N, C-alpha and C. Protein backbone atom coordinates (compact mmCIF):
# COMPACT_ATOMS: atom_id res chain seq x y z
N MET A 1 39.31 -75.17 87.06
CA MET A 1 38.00 -75.05 87.65
C MET A 1 37.04 -74.29 86.72
N PHE A 2 37.54 -73.32 85.97
CA PHE A 2 36.68 -72.50 85.12
C PHE A 2 36.73 -72.90 83.66
N SER A 3 37.29 -74.05 83.38
CA SER A 3 37.42 -74.52 82.01
C SER A 3 36.06 -74.59 81.33
N GLY A 4 35.95 -73.96 80.17
CA GLY A 4 34.71 -73.96 79.39
C GLY A 4 33.68 -72.96 79.86
N LEU A 5 33.99 -72.16 80.87
CA LEU A 5 33.02 -71.20 81.41
C LEU A 5 33.38 -69.75 81.10
N LEU A 6 34.61 -69.49 80.69
CA LEU A 6 35.06 -68.13 80.45
C LEU A 6 35.13 -67.84 78.95
N TYR A 7 34.69 -66.63 78.57
CA TYR A 7 34.67 -66.23 77.17
C TYR A 7 35.33 -64.87 77.00
N CYS A 8 35.91 -64.65 75.84
CA CYS A 8 36.57 -63.40 75.51
C CYS A 8 35.54 -62.27 75.44
N GLY A 9 35.86 -61.15 76.05
CA GLY A 9 34.96 -60.00 76.03
C GLY A 9 34.93 -59.30 74.69
N ASP A 10 35.95 -59.51 73.84
CA ASP A 10 36.01 -58.85 72.53
C ASP A 10 35.38 -59.67 71.42
N CYS A 11 35.80 -60.94 71.31
CA CYS A 11 35.34 -61.75 70.17
C CYS A 11 34.34 -62.84 70.56
N GLY A 12 34.20 -63.13 71.85
CA GLY A 12 33.23 -64.12 72.31
C GLY A 12 33.72 -65.55 72.30
N GLU A 13 34.97 -65.78 71.89
CA GLU A 13 35.51 -67.14 71.89
C GLU A 13 35.86 -67.57 73.31
N LYS A 14 36.02 -68.88 73.50
CA LYS A 14 36.38 -69.41 74.82
C LYS A 14 37.80 -68.98 75.19
N LEU A 15 38.01 -68.90 76.50
CA LEU A 15 39.34 -68.64 77.02
C LEU A 15 39.97 -69.97 77.42
N TYR A 16 41.19 -70.21 76.96
CA TYR A 16 41.93 -71.42 77.29
C TYR A 16 42.77 -71.21 78.53
N TYR A 17 42.91 -72.28 79.29
CA TYR A 17 43.77 -72.24 80.47
C TYR A 17 45.22 -72.42 80.02
N CYS A 18 46.09 -71.56 80.51
CA CYS A 18 47.50 -71.63 80.18
C CYS A 18 48.31 -71.43 81.46
N SER A 19 49.55 -71.87 81.44
CA SER A 19 50.43 -71.61 82.59
C SER A 19 51.86 -71.47 82.09
N THR A 20 52.63 -70.69 82.84
CA THR A 20 54.04 -70.49 82.51
C THR A 20 54.87 -70.61 83.78
N ASN A 21 56.14 -70.84 83.62
CA ASN A 21 57.08 -70.90 84.74
C ASN A 21 58.06 -69.74 84.61
N ASN A 22 57.58 -68.53 84.82
CA ASN A 22 58.43 -67.35 84.73
C ASN A 22 58.99 -67.00 86.11
N TYR A 23 60.24 -66.65 86.13
CA TYR A 23 60.89 -66.18 87.35
C TYR A 23 60.73 -67.16 88.51
N LYS A 24 60.89 -68.40 88.20
CA LYS A 24 60.87 -69.49 89.19
C LYS A 24 59.54 -69.62 89.92
N ARG A 25 58.47 -69.14 89.34
CA ARG A 25 57.14 -69.39 89.92
C ARG A 25 56.14 -69.58 88.78
N GLU A 26 55.21 -70.40 89.05
CA GLU A 26 54.22 -70.72 88.02
C GLU A 26 53.12 -69.67 88.02
N GLN A 27 52.76 -69.20 86.83
CA GLN A 27 51.67 -68.26 86.68
C GLN A 27 50.63 -68.88 85.76
N ALA A 28 49.40 -68.98 86.25
CA ALA A 28 48.31 -69.54 85.45
C ALA A 28 47.42 -68.39 84.98
N PHE A 29 46.92 -68.53 83.75
CA PHE A 29 46.07 -67.48 83.19
C PHE A 29 45.16 -68.10 82.13
N PHE A 30 44.19 -67.33 81.69
CA PHE A 30 43.28 -67.73 80.62
C PHE A 30 43.52 -66.81 79.44
N CYS A 31 43.68 -67.41 78.26
CA CYS A 31 44.01 -66.67 77.04
C CYS A 31 42.95 -66.94 75.97
N CYS A 32 42.68 -65.93 75.16
CA CYS A 32 41.66 -66.05 74.10
C CYS A 32 42.03 -67.14 73.10
N SER A 33 41.11 -68.05 72.84
CA SER A 33 41.38 -69.15 71.90
C SER A 33 41.47 -68.64 70.47
N ALA A 34 40.75 -67.58 70.13
CA ALA A 34 40.81 -67.03 68.77
C ALA A 34 42.20 -66.47 68.50
N TYR A 35 42.79 -65.83 69.47
CA TYR A 35 44.14 -65.30 69.30
C TYR A 35 45.14 -66.44 69.14
N ARG A 36 44.97 -67.50 69.94
CA ARG A 36 45.90 -68.63 69.85
C ARG A 36 45.81 -69.31 68.49
N LYS A 37 44.61 -69.35 67.91
CA LYS A 37 44.43 -70.01 66.61
C LYS A 37 44.87 -69.10 65.47
N ASN A 38 44.49 -67.82 65.55
CA ASN A 38 44.74 -66.89 64.46
C ASN A 38 44.84 -65.48 65.05
N SER A 39 46.03 -64.94 65.10
CA SER A 39 46.24 -63.66 65.78
C SER A 39 45.54 -62.50 65.09
N ASP A 40 45.04 -62.67 63.87
CA ASP A 40 44.33 -61.59 63.18
C ASP A 40 42.90 -61.43 63.67
N VAL A 41 42.34 -62.47 64.28
CA VAL A 41 40.94 -62.44 64.70
C VAL A 41 40.75 -61.62 65.97
N CYS A 42 41.66 -61.78 66.91
CA CYS A 42 41.52 -61.10 68.19
C CYS A 42 42.91 -60.71 68.69
N SER A 43 42.96 -59.70 69.53
CA SER A 43 44.24 -59.25 70.06
C SER A 43 44.69 -60.14 71.21
N VAL A 44 45.96 -60.03 71.54
CA VAL A 44 46.48 -60.83 72.64
C VAL A 44 46.04 -60.18 73.95
N HIS A 45 45.25 -60.90 74.68
CA HIS A 45 44.84 -60.46 76.00
C HIS A 45 44.55 -61.69 76.83
N TYR A 46 44.60 -61.51 78.13
CA TYR A 46 44.45 -62.64 79.04
C TYR A 46 43.97 -62.12 80.37
N ILE A 47 43.58 -63.04 81.23
CA ILE A 47 43.26 -62.72 82.61
C ILE A 47 43.87 -63.80 83.48
N ARG A 48 44.53 -63.37 84.54
CA ARG A 48 45.20 -64.33 85.42
C ARG A 48 44.16 -65.12 86.21
N GLU A 49 44.48 -66.37 86.45
CA GLU A 49 43.59 -67.25 87.20
C GLU A 49 43.31 -66.68 88.59
N LYS A 50 44.32 -66.09 89.20
CA LYS A 50 44.17 -65.50 90.53
C LYS A 50 43.10 -64.41 90.53
N ILE A 51 43.08 -63.59 89.50
CA ILE A 51 42.09 -62.51 89.39
C ILE A 51 40.70 -63.10 89.20
N VAL A 52 40.58 -64.12 88.37
CA VAL A 52 39.27 -64.77 88.16
C VAL A 52 38.76 -65.33 89.49
N ASN A 53 39.62 -65.99 90.22
CA ASN A 53 39.23 -66.54 91.52
C ASN A 53 38.74 -65.44 92.45
N GLU A 54 39.46 -64.32 92.51
CA GLU A 54 39.07 -63.20 93.37
C GLU A 54 37.73 -62.61 92.94
N LEU A 55 37.53 -62.45 91.64
CA LEU A 55 36.26 -61.89 91.13
C LEU A 55 35.08 -62.79 91.46
N VAL A 56 35.26 -64.09 91.26
CA VAL A 56 34.18 -65.04 91.55
C VAL A 56 33.88 -65.06 93.05
N LEU A 57 34.93 -65.07 93.86
CA LEU A 57 34.73 -65.06 95.31
C LEU A 57 34.00 -63.80 95.75
N GLU A 58 34.39 -62.65 95.22
CA GLU A 58 33.72 -61.38 95.57
C GLU A 58 32.26 -61.40 95.14
N SER A 59 31.99 -61.93 93.97
CA SER A 59 30.61 -62.02 93.49
C SER A 59 29.79 -62.95 94.37
N MET A 60 30.37 -64.07 94.76
CA MET A 60 29.65 -65.00 95.64
C MET A 60 29.37 -64.35 96.99
N LYS A 61 30.31 -63.57 97.51
CA LYS A 61 30.09 -62.86 98.77
C LYS A 61 28.92 -61.89 98.66
N ARG A 62 28.85 -61.17 97.53
CA ARG A 62 27.73 -60.22 97.32
C ARG A 62 26.39 -60.95 97.27
N VAL A 63 26.36 -62.07 96.57
CA VAL A 63 25.12 -62.84 96.48
C VAL A 63 24.71 -63.36 97.85
N LEU A 64 25.66 -63.91 98.59
CA LEU A 64 25.36 -64.43 99.93
C LEU A 64 24.91 -63.31 100.87
N TRP A 65 25.53 -62.14 100.77
CA TRP A 65 25.11 -61.00 101.58
C TRP A 65 23.67 -60.64 101.25
N TYR A 66 23.35 -60.59 99.96
CA TYR A 66 21.99 -60.26 99.53
C TYR A 66 21.00 -61.28 100.09
N VAL A 67 21.34 -62.54 99.99
CA VAL A 67 20.45 -63.60 100.47
C VAL A 67 20.24 -63.46 101.97
N GLN A 68 21.31 -63.18 102.70
CA GLN A 68 21.18 -63.03 104.15
C GLN A 68 20.34 -61.82 104.53
N CYS A 69 20.55 -60.70 103.84
CA CYS A 69 19.84 -59.46 104.19
C CYS A 69 18.39 -59.46 103.70
N TYR A 70 18.15 -60.08 102.59
CA TYR A 70 16.82 -60.04 101.96
C TYR A 70 16.32 -61.45 101.71
N GLU A 71 16.39 -62.28 102.71
CA GLU A 71 16.06 -63.70 102.56
C GLU A 71 14.65 -63.91 102.03
N THR A 72 13.67 -63.21 102.61
CA THR A 72 12.28 -63.39 102.19
C THR A 72 12.09 -62.95 100.74
N GLN A 73 12.64 -61.79 100.40
CA GLN A 73 12.51 -61.28 99.03
C GLN A 73 13.23 -62.21 98.05
N PHE A 74 14.40 -62.68 98.42
CA PHE A 74 15.16 -63.60 97.57
C PHE A 74 14.37 -64.88 97.32
N ALA A 75 13.77 -65.42 98.39
CA ALA A 75 12.98 -66.64 98.26
C ALA A 75 11.80 -66.42 97.32
N LYS A 76 11.13 -65.27 97.45
CA LYS A 76 10.00 -64.96 96.56
C LYS A 76 10.46 -64.86 95.11
N GLU A 77 11.59 -64.20 94.89
CA GLU A 77 12.12 -64.07 93.53
C GLU A 77 12.42 -65.44 92.93
N GLN A 78 13.05 -66.30 93.72
CA GLN A 78 13.39 -67.63 93.23
C GLN A 78 12.13 -68.45 92.96
N MET A 79 11.12 -68.32 93.81
CA MET A 79 9.85 -69.03 93.60
C MET A 79 9.17 -68.52 92.32
N ASN A 80 9.23 -67.22 92.07
CA ASN A 80 8.65 -66.66 90.85
C ASN A 80 9.37 -67.19 89.61
N ILE A 81 10.69 -67.25 89.68
CA ILE A 81 11.47 -67.77 88.56
C ILE A 81 11.10 -69.23 88.31
N LEU A 82 11.01 -70.01 89.39
CA LEU A 82 10.64 -71.42 89.26
C LEU A 82 9.23 -71.56 88.69
N ASP A 83 8.32 -70.73 89.15
CA ASP A 83 6.94 -70.77 88.68
C ASP A 83 6.87 -70.46 87.19
N ILE A 84 7.61 -69.47 86.74
CA ILE A 84 7.63 -69.11 85.32
C ILE A 84 8.17 -70.27 84.49
N ARG A 85 9.25 -70.89 84.96
CA ARG A 85 9.82 -72.05 84.24
C ARG A 85 8.82 -73.19 84.15
N GLN A 86 8.15 -73.46 85.26
CA GLN A 86 7.18 -74.55 85.27
C GLN A 86 6.01 -74.25 84.35
N GLN A 87 5.57 -72.99 84.30
CA GLN A 87 4.48 -72.62 83.40
C GLN A 87 4.89 -72.81 81.94
N LYS A 88 6.13 -72.44 81.61
CA LYS A 88 6.61 -72.63 80.25
C LYS A 88 6.68 -74.11 79.89
N GLU A 89 7.18 -74.92 80.83
CA GLU A 89 7.25 -76.37 80.59
C GLU A 89 5.86 -76.96 80.42
N LEU A 90 4.92 -76.51 81.24
CA LEU A 90 3.55 -77.00 81.15
C LEU A 90 2.94 -76.64 79.81
N LEU A 91 3.17 -75.41 79.37
CA LEU A 91 2.65 -74.98 78.07
C LEU A 91 3.24 -75.83 76.95
N THR A 92 4.53 -76.10 77.03
CA THR A 92 5.19 -76.94 76.02
C THR A 92 4.59 -78.35 76.02
N LYS A 93 4.39 -78.91 77.21
CA LYS A 93 3.81 -80.26 77.31
C LYS A 93 2.38 -80.29 76.79
N ARG A 94 1.61 -79.24 77.07
CA ARG A 94 0.24 -79.19 76.56
C ARG A 94 0.22 -79.14 75.04
N ARG A 95 1.13 -78.37 74.46
CA ARG A 95 1.21 -78.31 72.99
C ARG A 95 1.57 -79.68 72.42
N GLU A 96 2.51 -80.36 73.06
CA GLU A 96 2.88 -81.71 72.60
C GLU A 96 1.70 -82.66 72.71
N LEU A 97 0.95 -82.56 73.80
CA LEU A 97 -0.22 -83.40 73.99
C LEU A 97 -1.27 -83.12 72.93
N GLU A 98 -1.54 -81.84 72.67
CA GLU A 98 -2.52 -81.48 71.64
C GLU A 98 -2.10 -82.02 70.27
N LYS A 99 -0.81 -81.92 69.97
CA LYS A 99 -0.30 -82.44 68.70
C LYS A 99 -0.49 -83.95 68.62
N ALA A 100 -0.21 -84.65 69.72
CA ALA A 100 -0.37 -86.11 69.75
C ALA A 100 -1.84 -86.49 69.61
N ILE A 101 -2.73 -85.75 70.27
CA ILE A 101 -4.17 -86.03 70.16
C ILE A 101 -4.64 -85.83 68.73
N ARG A 102 -4.18 -84.75 68.09
CA ARG A 102 -4.57 -84.51 66.68
C ARG A 102 -4.08 -85.66 65.80
N ARG A 103 -2.87 -86.14 66.06
CA ARG A 103 -2.33 -87.24 65.25
C ARG A 103 -3.13 -88.52 65.47
N VAL A 104 -3.50 -88.80 66.70
CA VAL A 104 -4.32 -89.99 66.99
C VAL A 104 -5.66 -89.87 66.27
N ASN A 105 -6.25 -88.68 66.29
CA ASN A 105 -7.53 -88.47 65.58
C ASN A 105 -7.37 -88.67 64.08
N GLU A 106 -6.25 -88.20 63.53
CA GLU A 106 -6.00 -88.40 62.10
C GLU A 106 -5.91 -89.89 61.77
N ILE A 107 -5.18 -90.62 62.60
CA ILE A 107 -5.02 -92.06 62.38
C ILE A 107 -6.37 -92.76 62.52
N ASP A 108 -7.17 -92.37 63.51
CA ASP A 108 -8.51 -92.95 63.67
C ASP A 108 -9.36 -92.70 62.43
N ASN A 109 -9.28 -91.49 61.88
CA ASN A 109 -10.05 -91.17 60.67
C ASN A 109 -9.57 -91.99 59.48
N ILE A 110 -8.27 -92.18 59.38
CA ILE A 110 -7.72 -93.00 58.30
C ILE A 110 -8.21 -94.44 58.42
N ILE A 111 -8.17 -94.96 59.65
CA ILE A 111 -8.62 -96.34 59.87
C ILE A 111 -10.11 -96.46 59.57
N GLN A 112 -10.89 -95.49 60.00
CA GLN A 112 -12.33 -95.50 59.73
C GLN A 112 -12.60 -95.47 58.23
N LYS A 113 -11.88 -94.62 57.51
CA LYS A 113 -12.04 -94.51 56.05
C LYS A 113 -11.66 -95.83 55.38
N LEU A 114 -10.55 -96.42 55.85
CA LEU A 114 -10.11 -97.70 55.30
C LEU A 114 -11.17 -98.77 55.56
N TYR A 115 -11.74 -98.78 56.74
CA TYR A 115 -12.78 -99.74 57.09
C TYR A 115 -13.99 -99.56 56.17
N GLU A 116 -14.41 -98.30 55.99
CA GLU A 116 -15.57 -98.02 55.13
C GLU A 116 -15.29 -98.41 53.69
N ASP A 117 -14.06 -98.10 53.21
CA ASP A 117 -13.70 -98.46 51.85
C ASP A 117 -13.68 -99.98 51.68
N ASN A 118 -13.29 -100.71 52.71
CA ASN A 118 -13.29 -102.16 52.67
C ASN A 118 -14.71 -102.69 52.60
N ILE A 119 -15.60 -102.09 53.37
CA ILE A 119 -17.00 -102.56 53.40
C ILE A 119 -17.68 -102.37 52.05
N ILE A 120 -17.43 -101.21 51.42
CA ILE A 120 -18.11 -100.97 50.14
C ILE A 120 -17.35 -101.56 48.96
N GLY A 121 -16.22 -102.22 49.24
CA GLY A 121 -15.51 -102.95 48.18
C GLY A 121 -14.43 -102.16 47.48
N LYS A 122 -14.11 -100.94 47.90
CA LYS A 122 -13.05 -100.18 47.25
C LYS A 122 -11.67 -100.73 47.60
N VAL A 123 -11.54 -101.32 48.79
CA VAL A 123 -10.26 -101.88 49.24
C VAL A 123 -10.49 -103.35 49.58
N SER A 124 -9.59 -104.22 49.06
CA SER A 124 -9.74 -105.66 49.32
C SER A 124 -9.36 -105.97 50.77
N ASP A 125 -9.80 -107.16 51.22
CA ASP A 125 -9.47 -107.59 52.58
C ASP A 125 -7.96 -107.73 52.76
N GLU A 126 -7.27 -108.19 51.70
CA GLU A 126 -5.82 -108.36 51.79
C GLU A 126 -5.12 -107.01 51.96
N ARG A 127 -5.55 -106.03 51.17
CA ARG A 127 -4.94 -104.69 51.23
C ARG A 127 -5.21 -104.04 52.58
N LYS A 128 -6.40 -104.24 53.10
CA LYS A 128 -6.77 -103.69 54.41
C LYS A 128 -5.87 -104.29 55.49
N ALA A 129 -5.63 -105.61 55.40
CA ALA A 129 -4.78 -106.28 56.38
C ALA A 129 -3.35 -105.74 56.31
N VAL A 130 -2.83 -105.52 55.10
CA VAL A 130 -1.47 -104.99 54.93
C VAL A 130 -1.39 -103.58 55.51
N ASN A 131 -2.36 -102.73 55.22
CA ASN A 131 -2.37 -101.35 55.74
C ASN A 131 -2.48 -101.33 57.25
N ALA A 132 -3.32 -102.18 57.78
CA ALA A 132 -3.49 -102.23 59.24
C ALA A 132 -2.19 -102.67 59.90
N LYS A 133 -1.49 -103.65 59.28
CA LYS A 133 -0.22 -104.13 59.82
C LYS A 133 0.83 -103.03 59.75
N ASP A 134 0.88 -102.27 58.64
CA ASP A 134 1.82 -101.16 58.49
C ASP A 134 1.55 -100.08 59.53
N LYS A 135 0.30 -99.72 59.76
CA LYS A 135 -0.06 -98.68 60.74
C LYS A 135 0.30 -99.11 62.15
N THR A 136 0.11 -100.40 62.45
CA THR A 136 0.44 -100.91 63.78
C THR A 136 1.94 -100.81 64.02
N ALA A 137 2.72 -101.21 63.02
CA ALA A 137 4.19 -101.14 63.12
C ALA A 137 4.64 -99.70 63.24
N GLU A 138 4.02 -98.79 62.51
CA GLU A 138 4.36 -97.37 62.54
C GLU A 138 4.08 -96.77 63.91
N ASN A 139 2.98 -97.13 64.51
CA ASN A 139 2.61 -96.58 65.82
C ASN A 139 3.48 -97.12 66.95
N ASN A 140 4.05 -98.31 66.78
CA ASN A 140 4.90 -98.89 67.81
C ASN A 140 6.30 -98.31 67.83
N THR A 141 6.69 -97.59 66.77
CA THR A 141 8.03 -97.01 66.73
C THR A 141 8.07 -95.64 67.29
């Protein structure tokens, strides 16, 4: 259940799920992956699956108690967190939009310059057609 979610408190590597059949009963635990790969990196330490389950259950009980006792405050906190995330996303989208608008303006200026150069004879009609075709293909990708 906790695969990929637990990390070693000493070295930060993932904890692997392991099990043994000692004394006619199975014992499951999580062991540091760095120790399993190379014992010089981290010391041998582990946490039993039963303890992890108890810790998670106790933590969930505390959170649920808090939510029940302070429902209004909890809801406000969650709304504030959501609002902050949405503001960050909006800011990111606005920056992307501004960048896209600047790029469109650059392309418009290039096309205008190409058109003017064609009119005054600096660029031939054939070259203008090739450039216009290249720009169209570039914008479609």
